Amino acid sequence: HVGIAVRSHGVDSVLEATSDGGVWVTALGDFLARSARIDGRPAVTVMRLRDTTGVAAAIERARKFIGQPYDYSFRPDNGKMYCSELVWESYLAPDGSRRFPARPMNFLAADGSLPRFWAELFAGLGEEIPQDIPGTNPNDMARDPQLKEVTRYY
């Protein structure tokens, strides 16, 4: 999962897209409390752009997505958002291009089979699996050289 940490008027929060709320703002404490755990501590790593030019504008762009539903389809430009799509849509380079690349999405297991979870999800949606459609994910973003690790909670 990925979100956008925000401090406004001394209050720390996270702009995020979740399956139980769509795009919304949650208090940092609540975000940490519902995070996965490593040795009892939140499994959260804080990353920051090395070049912070345009961060305030990115946060304002992200705020415009508040209220959009969660994107179970993982498709761009459908009026819905999944977590890394929110970051991808919000953070733009000074020339207006995306700061983070989209890569072909992969829903297949290492052996090339389709896990039951994905088959059932997309069957329930009545949609084809967006295999190889450009998209984003938190793990790829975390490895992006534009980012540096600031702190870990675990």
N, C-alpha and C. Protein backbone atom coordinates (compact mmCIF):
# COMPACT_ATOMS: atom_id res chain seq x y z
N HIS A 1 0.85 -1.18 0.00
CA HIS A 1 0.00 0.00 0.00
C HIS A 1 0.89 1.24 0.00
N VAL A 2 0.42 2.29 -0.60
CA VAL A 2 1.15 3.55 -0.65
C VAL A 2 0.15 4.68 -0.45
N GLY A 3 0.60 5.71 0.23
CA GLY A 3 -0.22 6.90 0.45
C GLY A 3 0.67 8.13 0.40
N ILE A 4 0.07 9.28 0.55
CA ILE A 4 0.79 10.55 0.51
C ILE A 4 0.68 11.18 1.90
N ALA A 5 1.81 11.28 2.58
CA ALA A 5 1.84 11.88 3.91
C ALA A 5 1.70 13.39 3.77
N VAL A 6 0.86 13.97 4.63
CA VAL A 6 0.57 15.40 4.57
C VAL A 6 0.57 15.97 5.99
N ARG A 7 1.18 17.14 6.14
CA ARG A 7 1.07 17.88 7.40
C ARG A 7 0.37 19.18 7.08
N SER A 8 -0.76 19.39 7.74
CA SER A 8 -1.54 20.60 7.51
C SER A 8 -1.96 21.15 8.86
N HIS A 9 -1.57 22.38 9.14
CA HIS A 9 -1.90 23.04 10.40
C HIS A 9 -1.46 22.20 11.60
N GLY A 10 -0.27 21.58 11.47
CA GLY A 10 0.29 20.78 12.55
C GLY A 10 -0.30 19.40 12.72
N VAL A 11 -1.19 19.00 11.81
CA VAL A 11 -1.83 17.68 11.89
C VAL A 11 -1.27 16.79 10.79
N ASP A 12 -0.80 15.60 11.19
CA ASP A 12 -0.25 14.64 10.23
C ASP A 12 -1.35 13.69 9.76
N SER A 13 -1.45 13.52 8.45
CA SER A 13 -2.45 12.63 7.87
C SER A 13 -1.89 11.98 6.62
N VAL A 14 -2.69 11.10 6.04
CA VAL A 14 -2.29 10.40 4.82
C VAL A 14 -3.45 10.47 3.83
N LEU A 15 -3.15 10.94 2.63
CA LEU A 15 -4.09 10.87 1.51
C LEU A 15 -3.88 9.50 0.89
N GLU A 16 -4.95 8.72 0.78
CA GLU A 16 -4.79 7.35 0.28
C GLU A 16 -6.04 6.89 -0.44
N ALA A 17 -5.88 5.83 -1.20
CA ALA A 17 -7.00 5.16 -1.86
C ALA A 17 -7.06 3.75 -1.28
N THR A 18 -8.18 3.43 -0.64
CA THR A 18 -8.33 2.12 -0.02
C THR A 18 -9.62 1.45 -0.49
N SER A 19 -9.63 0.13 -0.39
CA SER A 19 -10.81 -0.61 -0.82
C SER A 19 -12.00 -0.37 0.10
N ASP A 20 -11.76 0.14 1.30
CA ASP A 20 -12.88 0.38 2.20
C ASP A 20 -13.26 1.86 2.31
N GLY A 21 -12.67 2.71 1.47
CA GLY A 21 -13.03 4.11 1.57
C GLY A 21 -12.83 4.91 0.30
N GLY A 22 -12.23 4.29 -0.73
CA GLY A 22 -11.90 5.06 -1.91
C GLY A 22 -10.80 6.05 -1.56
N VAL A 23 -10.79 7.20 -2.21
CA VAL A 23 -9.77 8.22 -1.93
C VAL A 23 -10.26 9.07 -0.77
N TRP A 24 -9.45 9.13 0.27
CA TRP A 24 -9.83 9.86 1.47
C TRP A 24 -8.59 10.24 2.25
N VAL A 25 -8.79 11.04 3.28
CA VAL A 25 -7.71 11.45 4.17
C VAL A 25 -7.92 10.74 5.49
N THR A 26 -6.86 10.13 6.00
CA THR A 26 -6.94 9.46 7.29
C THR A 26 -5.85 10.00 8.21
N ALA A 27 -6.13 10.05 9.48
CA ALA A 27 -5.12 10.50 10.45
C ALA A 27 -3.94 9.55 10.42
N LEU A 28 -2.74 10.08 10.55
CA LEU A 28 -1.55 9.25 10.52
C LEU A 28 -1.62 8.13 11.55
N GLY A 29 -2.09 8.44 12.75
CA GLY A 29 -2.20 7.42 13.78
C GLY A 29 -3.11 6.27 13.37
N ASP A 30 -4.22 6.58 12.71
CA ASP A 30 -5.13 5.54 12.23
C ASP A 30 -4.48 4.72 11.11
N PHE A 31 -3.76 5.40 10.23
CA PHE A 31 -3.05 4.72 9.15
C PHE A 31 -2.05 3.72 9.73
N LEU A 32 -1.27 4.17 10.71
CA LEU A 32 -0.27 3.29 11.33
C LEU A 32 -0.94 2.15 12.09
N ALA A 33 -2.05 2.43 12.75
CA ALA A 33 -2.73 1.40 13.55
C ALA A 33 -3.27 0.26 12.70
N ARG A 34 -3.68 0.53 11.46
CA ARG A 34 -4.22 -0.53 10.63
C ARG A 34 -3.20 -1.13 9.66
N SER A 35 -1.95 -0.68 9.76
CA SER A 35 -0.89 -1.23 8.92
C SER A 35 -0.51 -2.63 9.37
N ALA A 36 0.04 -3.40 8.43
CA ALA A 36 0.62 -4.70 8.79
C ALA A 36 1.71 -4.48 9.83
N ARG A 37 2.09 -5.51 10.52
CA ARG A 37 3.05 -5.40 11.61
C ARG A 37 4.32 -6.21 11.35
N ILE A 38 5.42 -5.69 11.82
CA ILE A 38 6.70 -6.40 11.88
C ILE A 38 7.17 -6.25 13.32
N ASP A 39 7.29 -7.37 14.01
CA ASP A 39 7.68 -7.35 15.43
C ASP A 39 6.81 -6.39 16.24
N GLY A 40 5.51 -6.36 15.92
CA GLY A 40 4.58 -5.53 16.67
C GLY A 40 4.53 -4.07 16.29
N ARG A 41 5.38 -3.65 15.37
CA ARG A 41 5.41 -2.24 14.96
C ARG A 41 4.85 -2.11 13.54
N PRO A 42 4.31 -0.93 13.18
CA PRO A 42 3.76 -0.76 11.84
C PRO A 42 4.82 -0.98 10.76
N ALA A 43 4.47 -1.79 9.78
CA ALA A 43 5.37 -2.08 8.66
C ALA A 43 5.27 -0.95 7.64
N VAL A 44 5.74 0.22 8.03
CA VAL A 44 5.62 1.42 7.21
C VAL A 44 7.01 2.03 6.99
N THR A 45 7.32 2.29 5.74
CA THR A 45 8.55 2.98 5.37
C THR A 45 8.14 4.33 4.77
N VAL A 46 8.79 5.39 5.20
CA VAL A 46 8.50 6.73 4.68
C VAL A 46 9.57 7.06 3.64
N MET A 47 9.10 7.39 2.45
CA MET A 47 9.97 7.77 1.34
C MET A 47 9.70 9.23 0.99
N ARG A 48 10.71 9.89 0.47
CA ARG A 48 10.57 11.29 0.07
C ARG A 48 11.26 11.47 -1.27
N LEU A 49 10.71 12.32 -2.10
CA LEU A 49 11.37 12.66 -3.36
C LEU A 49 12.69 13.36 -3.07
N ARG A 50 13.71 13.01 -3.82
CA ARG A 50 15.01 13.69 -3.66
C ARG A 50 14.87 15.16 -4.09
N ASP A 51 14.13 15.39 -5.15
CA ASP A 51 13.84 16.74 -5.62
C ASP A 51 12.40 17.05 -5.27
N THR A 52 12.19 17.89 -4.30
CA THR A 52 10.84 18.15 -3.80
C THR A 52 10.10 19.25 -4.56
N THR A 53 10.66 19.69 -5.67
CA THR A 53 9.98 20.68 -6.49
C THR A 53 8.59 20.17 -6.88
N GLY A 54 7.60 20.94 -6.63
CA GLY A 54 6.24 20.59 -7.06
C GLY A 54 5.45 19.73 -6.09
N VAL A 55 6.00 19.47 -4.90
CA VAL A 55 5.28 18.60 -3.95
C VAL A 55 3.97 19.24 -3.50
N ALA A 56 3.98 20.52 -3.21
CA ALA A 56 2.74 21.19 -2.78
C ALA A 56 1.67 21.08 -3.87
N ALA A 57 2.05 21.23 -5.12
CA ALA A 57 1.10 21.10 -6.22
C ALA A 57 0.60 19.66 -6.33
N ALA A 58 1.47 18.70 -6.07
CA ALA A 58 1.07 17.29 -6.12
C ALA A 58 0.02 17.00 -5.04
N ILE A 59 0.21 17.55 -3.87
CA ILE A 59 -0.76 17.34 -2.79
C ILE A 59 -2.10 17.97 -3.15
N GLU A 60 -2.06 19.14 -3.75
CA GLU A 60 -3.32 19.77 -4.18
C GLU A 60 -4.01 18.94 -5.25
N ARG A 61 -3.23 18.38 -6.19
CA ARG A 61 -3.83 17.51 -7.20
C ARG A 61 -4.46 16.29 -6.53
N ALA A 62 -3.74 15.69 -5.57
CA ALA A 62 -4.26 14.51 -4.87
C ALA A 62 -5.57 14.83 -4.15
N ARG A 63 -5.64 15.99 -3.54
CA ARG A 63 -6.86 16.37 -2.82
C ARG A 63 -8.08 16.42 -3.75
N LYS A 64 -7.87 16.71 -5.02
CA LYS A 64 -8.98 16.78 -5.97
C LYS A 64 -9.60 15.41 -6.24
N PHE A 65 -8.88 14.35 -5.89
CA PHE A 65 -9.39 12.99 -6.09
C PHE A 65 -10.19 12.48 -4.89
N ILE A 66 -10.20 13.23 -3.78
CA ILE A 66 -10.93 12.79 -2.59
C ILE A 66 -12.39 12.53 -2.98
N GLY A 67 -12.88 11.40 -2.55
CA GLY A 67 -14.25 11.01 -2.85
C GLY A 67 -14.39 10.04 -4.00
N GLN A 68 -13.33 9.89 -4.82
CA GLN A 68 -13.43 8.91 -5.90
C GLN A 68 -13.44 7.50 -5.30
N PRO A 69 -14.18 6.59 -5.90
CA PRO A 69 -14.22 5.22 -5.39
C PRO A 69 -12.92 4.47 -5.68
N TYR A 70 -12.75 3.36 -4.97
CA TYR A 70 -11.57 2.52 -5.17
C TYR A 70 -11.65 1.84 -6.53
N ASP A 71 -10.52 1.68 -7.17
CA ASP A 71 -10.45 1.10 -8.51
C ASP A 71 -10.05 -0.38 -8.45
N TYR A 72 -11.04 -1.24 -8.32
CA TYR A 72 -10.78 -2.68 -8.31
C TYR A 72 -10.35 -3.18 -9.67
N SER A 73 -10.56 -2.40 -10.71
CA SER A 73 -10.20 -2.79 -12.08
C SER A 73 -8.75 -2.50 -12.40
N PHE A 74 -8.12 -1.61 -11.62
CA PHE A 74 -6.72 -1.23 -11.83
C PHE A 74 -6.48 -0.67 -13.22
N ARG A 75 -7.44 0.11 -13.70
CA ARG A 75 -7.32 0.72 -15.01
C ARG A 75 -7.22 2.24 -14.86
N PRO A 76 -6.40 2.87 -15.71
CA PRO A 76 -6.31 4.33 -15.65
C PRO A 76 -7.54 4.99 -16.26
N ASP A 77 -7.74 6.23 -15.88
CA ASP A 77 -8.76 7.08 -16.52
C ASP A 77 -10.18 6.52 -16.49
N ASN A 78 -10.58 5.91 -15.36
CA ASN A 78 -11.95 5.38 -15.29
C ASN A 78 -12.75 6.02 -14.14
N GLY A 79 -12.23 7.14 -13.59
CA GLY A 79 -12.95 7.82 -12.53
C GLY A 79 -12.84 7.15 -11.18
N LYS A 80 -11.94 6.18 -11.07
CA LYS A 80 -11.68 5.45 -9.83
C LYS A 80 -10.18 5.44 -9.61
N MET A 81 -9.75 5.17 -8.37
CA MET A 81 -8.33 5.20 -8.03
C MET A 81 -7.94 4.02 -7.17
N TYR A 82 -6.79 3.43 -7.45
CA TYR A 82 -6.14 2.52 -6.52
C TYR A 82 -4.94 3.25 -5.94
N CYS A 83 -4.33 2.72 -4.91
CA CYS A 83 -3.38 3.49 -4.10
C CYS A 83 -2.22 4.08 -4.90
N SER A 84 -1.52 3.26 -5.67
CA SER A 84 -0.36 3.81 -6.38
C SER A 84 -0.79 4.67 -7.58
N GLU A 85 -2.00 4.44 -8.08
CA GLU A 85 -2.52 5.30 -9.15
C GLU A 85 -2.72 6.72 -8.62
N LEU A 86 -3.15 6.85 -7.38
CA LEU A 86 -3.31 8.17 -6.77
C LEU A 86 -1.98 8.92 -6.76
N VAL A 87 -0.92 8.25 -6.37
CA VAL A 87 0.41 8.88 -6.35
C VAL A 87 0.85 9.19 -7.77
N TRP A 88 0.67 8.25 -8.67
CA TRP A 88 1.08 8.42 -10.07
C TRP A 88 0.37 9.61 -10.72
N GLU A 89 -0.93 9.74 -10.47
CA GLU A 89 -1.71 10.84 -11.04
C GLU A 89 -1.36 12.19 -10.41
N SER A 90 -0.92 12.16 -9.17
CA SER A 90 -0.71 13.41 -8.42
C SER A 90 0.66 14.03 -8.62
N TYR A 91 1.69 13.20 -8.72
CA TYR A 91 3.06 13.72 -8.80
C TYR A 91 3.50 13.86 -10.25
N LEU A 92 3.66 15.10 -10.66
CA LEU A 92 4.10 15.40 -12.02
C LEU A 92 5.44 16.11 -11.97
N ALA A 93 6.24 15.90 -13.00
CA ALA A 93 7.51 16.60 -13.16
C ALA A 93 7.22 18.05 -13.56
N PRO A 94 8.21 18.93 -13.44
CA PRO A 94 7.98 20.34 -13.82
C PRO A 94 7.45 20.53 -15.24
N ASP A 95 7.79 19.60 -16.16
CA ASP A 95 7.30 19.73 -17.54
C ASP A 95 5.89 19.15 -17.73
N GLY A 96 5.28 18.65 -16.63
CA GLY A 96 3.93 18.11 -16.70
C GLY A 96 3.86 16.61 -16.94
N SER A 97 5.00 15.98 -17.17
CA SER A 97 5.01 14.54 -17.37
C SER A 97 4.90 13.82 -16.02
N ARG A 98 4.59 12.56 -16.04
CA ARG A 98 4.49 11.77 -14.81
C ARG A 98 5.86 11.60 -14.17
N ARG A 99 5.93 11.78 -12.86
CA ARG A 99 7.20 11.58 -12.15
C ARG A 99 7.57 10.12 -12.06
N PHE A 100 6.54 9.26 -11.99
CA PHE A 100 6.79 7.83 -11.85
C PHE A 100 6.33 7.11 -13.11
N PRO A 101 7.10 6.13 -13.56
CA PRO A 101 6.70 5.43 -14.78
C PRO A 101 5.58 4.43 -14.52
N ALA A 102 4.78 4.21 -15.54
CA ALA A 102 3.81 3.12 -15.54
C ALA A 102 4.48 1.96 -16.26
N ARG A 103 4.24 0.76 -15.77
CA ARG A 103 4.83 -0.44 -16.37
C ARG A 103 3.71 -1.44 -16.65
N PRO A 104 3.94 -2.35 -17.59
CA PRO A 104 2.91 -3.36 -17.85
C PRO A 104 2.58 -4.14 -16.57
N MET A 105 1.29 -4.18 -16.23
CA MET A 105 0.88 -4.88 -15.01
C MET A 105 0.88 -6.39 -15.25
N ASN A 106 1.21 -7.12 -14.19
CA ASN A 106 1.26 -8.58 -14.26
C ASN A 106 0.43 -9.18 -13.14
N PHE A 107 -0.57 -9.94 -13.50
CA PHE A 107 -1.44 -10.60 -12.53
C PHE A 107 -1.17 -12.10 -12.47
N LEU A 108 -0.17 -12.56 -13.20
CA LEU A 108 0.13 -13.99 -13.26
C LEU A 108 1.12 -14.39 -12.18
N ALA A 109 1.02 -15.65 -11.75
CA ALA A 109 1.97 -16.22 -10.79
C ALA A 109 3.29 -16.49 -11.51
N ALA A 110 4.32 -16.81 -10.75
CA ALA A 110 5.65 -17.06 -11.32
C ALA A 110 5.62 -18.19 -12.36
N ASP A 111 4.71 -19.15 -12.18
CA ASP A 111 4.63 -20.27 -13.13
C ASP A 111 3.76 -19.94 -14.35
N GLY A 112 3.26 -18.71 -14.45
CA GLY A 112 2.45 -18.29 -15.58
C GLY A 112 0.96 -18.53 -15.42
N SER A 113 0.57 -19.14 -14.32
CA SER A 113 -0.86 -19.38 -14.09
C SER A 113 -1.51 -18.14 -13.49
N LEU A 114 -2.83 -18.10 -13.61
CA LEU A 114 -3.59 -16.99 -13.05
C LEU A 114 -4.10 -17.39 -11.67
N PRO A 115 -3.65 -16.70 -10.62
CA PRO A 115 -4.15 -17.02 -9.29
C PRO A 115 -5.66 -16.88 -9.20
N ARG A 116 -6.27 -17.74 -8.43
CA ARG A 116 -7.73 -17.78 -8.26
C ARG A 116 -8.29 -16.43 -7.81
N PHE A 117 -7.57 -15.76 -6.92
CA PHE A 117 -8.03 -14.45 -6.42
C PHE A 117 -8.32 -13.51 -7.58
N TRP A 118 -7.35 -13.38 -8.52
CA TRP A 118 -7.52 -12.45 -9.63
C TRP A 118 -8.63 -12.93 -10.57
N ALA A 119 -8.67 -14.21 -10.83
CA ALA A 119 -9.71 -14.75 -11.72
C ALA A 119 -11.09 -14.44 -11.15
N GLU A 120 -11.28 -14.67 -9.85
CA GLU A 120 -12.58 -14.42 -9.23
C GLU A 120 -12.91 -12.93 -9.17
N LEU A 121 -11.91 -12.10 -8.86
CA LEU A 121 -12.15 -10.65 -8.79
C LEU A 121 -12.66 -10.12 -10.12
N PHE A 122 -11.92 -10.41 -11.19
CA PHE A 122 -12.29 -9.84 -12.49
C PHE A 122 -13.54 -10.49 -13.06
N ALA A 123 -13.77 -11.76 -12.76
CA ALA A 123 -15.02 -12.41 -13.19
C ALA A 123 -16.20 -11.72 -12.50
N GLY A 124 -16.04 -11.43 -11.22
CA GLY A 124 -17.10 -10.75 -10.47
C GLY A 124 -17.37 -9.34 -10.98
N LEU A 125 -16.32 -8.70 -11.50
CA LEU A 125 -16.48 -7.36 -12.07
C LEU A 125 -17.03 -7.41 -13.50
N GLY A 126 -16.97 -8.62 -14.10
CA GLY A 126 -17.39 -8.76 -15.49
C GLY A 126 -16.41 -8.10 -16.44
N GLU A 127 -15.14 -8.10 -16.05
CA GLU A 127 -14.11 -7.43 -16.85
C GLU A 127 -12.96 -8.38 -17.17
N GLU A 128 -12.29 -8.09 -18.26
CA GLU A 128 -11.08 -8.83 -18.58
C GLU A 128 -9.97 -8.37 -17.66
N ILE A 129 -9.05 -9.27 -17.40
CA ILE A 129 -7.89 -8.94 -16.55
C ILE A 129 -7.00 -7.97 -17.34
N PRO A 130 -6.58 -6.87 -16.72
CA PRO A 130 -5.77 -5.88 -17.44
C PRO A 130 -4.28 -6.27 -17.55
N GLN A 131 -4.04 -7.52 -17.85
CA GLN A 131 -2.68 -8.02 -18.00
C GLN A 131 -1.94 -7.18 -19.05
N ASP A 132 -0.76 -6.72 -18.69
CA ASP A 132 0.14 -5.94 -19.56
C ASP A 132 -0.33 -4.51 -19.86
N ILE A 133 -1.46 -4.09 -19.31
CA ILE A 133 -1.87 -2.69 -19.44
C ILE A 133 -0.95 -1.87 -18.52
N PRO A 134 -0.43 -0.73 -18.98
CA PRO A 134 0.45 0.07 -18.11
C PRO A 134 -0.26 0.48 -16.82
N GLY A 135 0.45 0.31 -15.72
CA GLY A 135 -0.07 0.66 -14.41
C GLY A 135 1.07 0.83 -13.42
N THR A 136 0.70 0.93 -12.17
CA THR A 136 1.70 1.18 -11.12
C THR A 136 1.46 0.23 -9.96
N ASN A 137 2.48 0.11 -9.12
CA ASN A 137 2.32 -0.63 -7.88
C ASN A 137 3.30 -0.09 -6.85
N PRO A 138 2.97 -0.26 -5.57
CA PRO A 138 3.81 0.31 -4.51
C PRO A 138 5.25 -0.20 -4.51
N ASN A 139 5.46 -1.47 -4.83
CA ASN A 139 6.83 -2.00 -4.80
C ASN A 139 7.72 -1.35 -5.85
N ASP A 140 7.19 -1.19 -7.07
CA ASP A 140 7.98 -0.50 -8.11
C ASP A 140 8.27 0.93 -7.69
N MET A 141 7.27 1.62 -7.15
CA MET A 141 7.49 3.00 -6.73
C MET A 141 8.55 3.10 -5.65
N ALA A 142 8.53 2.19 -4.70
CA ALA A 142 9.50 2.24 -3.60
C ALA A 142 10.94 2.08 -4.08
N ARG A 143 11.12 1.41 -5.21
CA ARG A 143 12.47 1.21 -5.77
C ARG A 143 12.90 2.32 -6.72
N ASP A 144 12.03 3.29 -6.96
CA ASP A 144 12.35 4.35 -7.91
C ASP A 144 13.50 5.20 -7.37
N PRO A 145 14.53 5.44 -8.19
CA PRO A 145 15.70 6.22 -7.72
C PRO A 145 15.39 7.68 -7.39
N GLN A 146 14.22 8.18 -7.77
CA GLN A 146 13.84 9.55 -7.39
C GLN A 146 13.53 9.67 -5.91
N LEU A 147 13.33 8.52 -5.26
CA LEU A 147 12.94 8.50 -3.86
C LEU A 147 14.10 8.10 -2.96
N LYS A 148 14.05 8.61 -1.74
CA LYS A 148 15.01 8.18 -0.72
C LYS A 148 14.21 7.81 0.53
N GLU A 149 14.72 6.83 1.24
CA GLU A 149 14.07 6.43 2.48
C GLU A 149 14.37 7.45 3.56
N VAL A 150 13.33 7.87 4.27
CA VAL A 150 13.47 8.85 5.34
C VAL A 150 13.47 8.16 6.70
N THR A 151 12.52 7.25 6.89
CA THR A 151 12.43 6.54 8.17
C THR A 151 11.61 5.27 8.01
N ARG A 152 11.75 4.40 8.98
CA ARG A 152 10.93 3.18 9.09
C ARG A 152 10.31 3.17 10.46
N TYR A 153 9.09 2.69 10.52
CA TYR A 153 8.42 2.55 11.81
C TYR A 153 8.71 1.21 12.45
N TYR A 154 9.28 0.25 11.72
CA TYR A 154 9.54 -1.09 12.25
C TYR A 154 11.01 -1.29 12.53
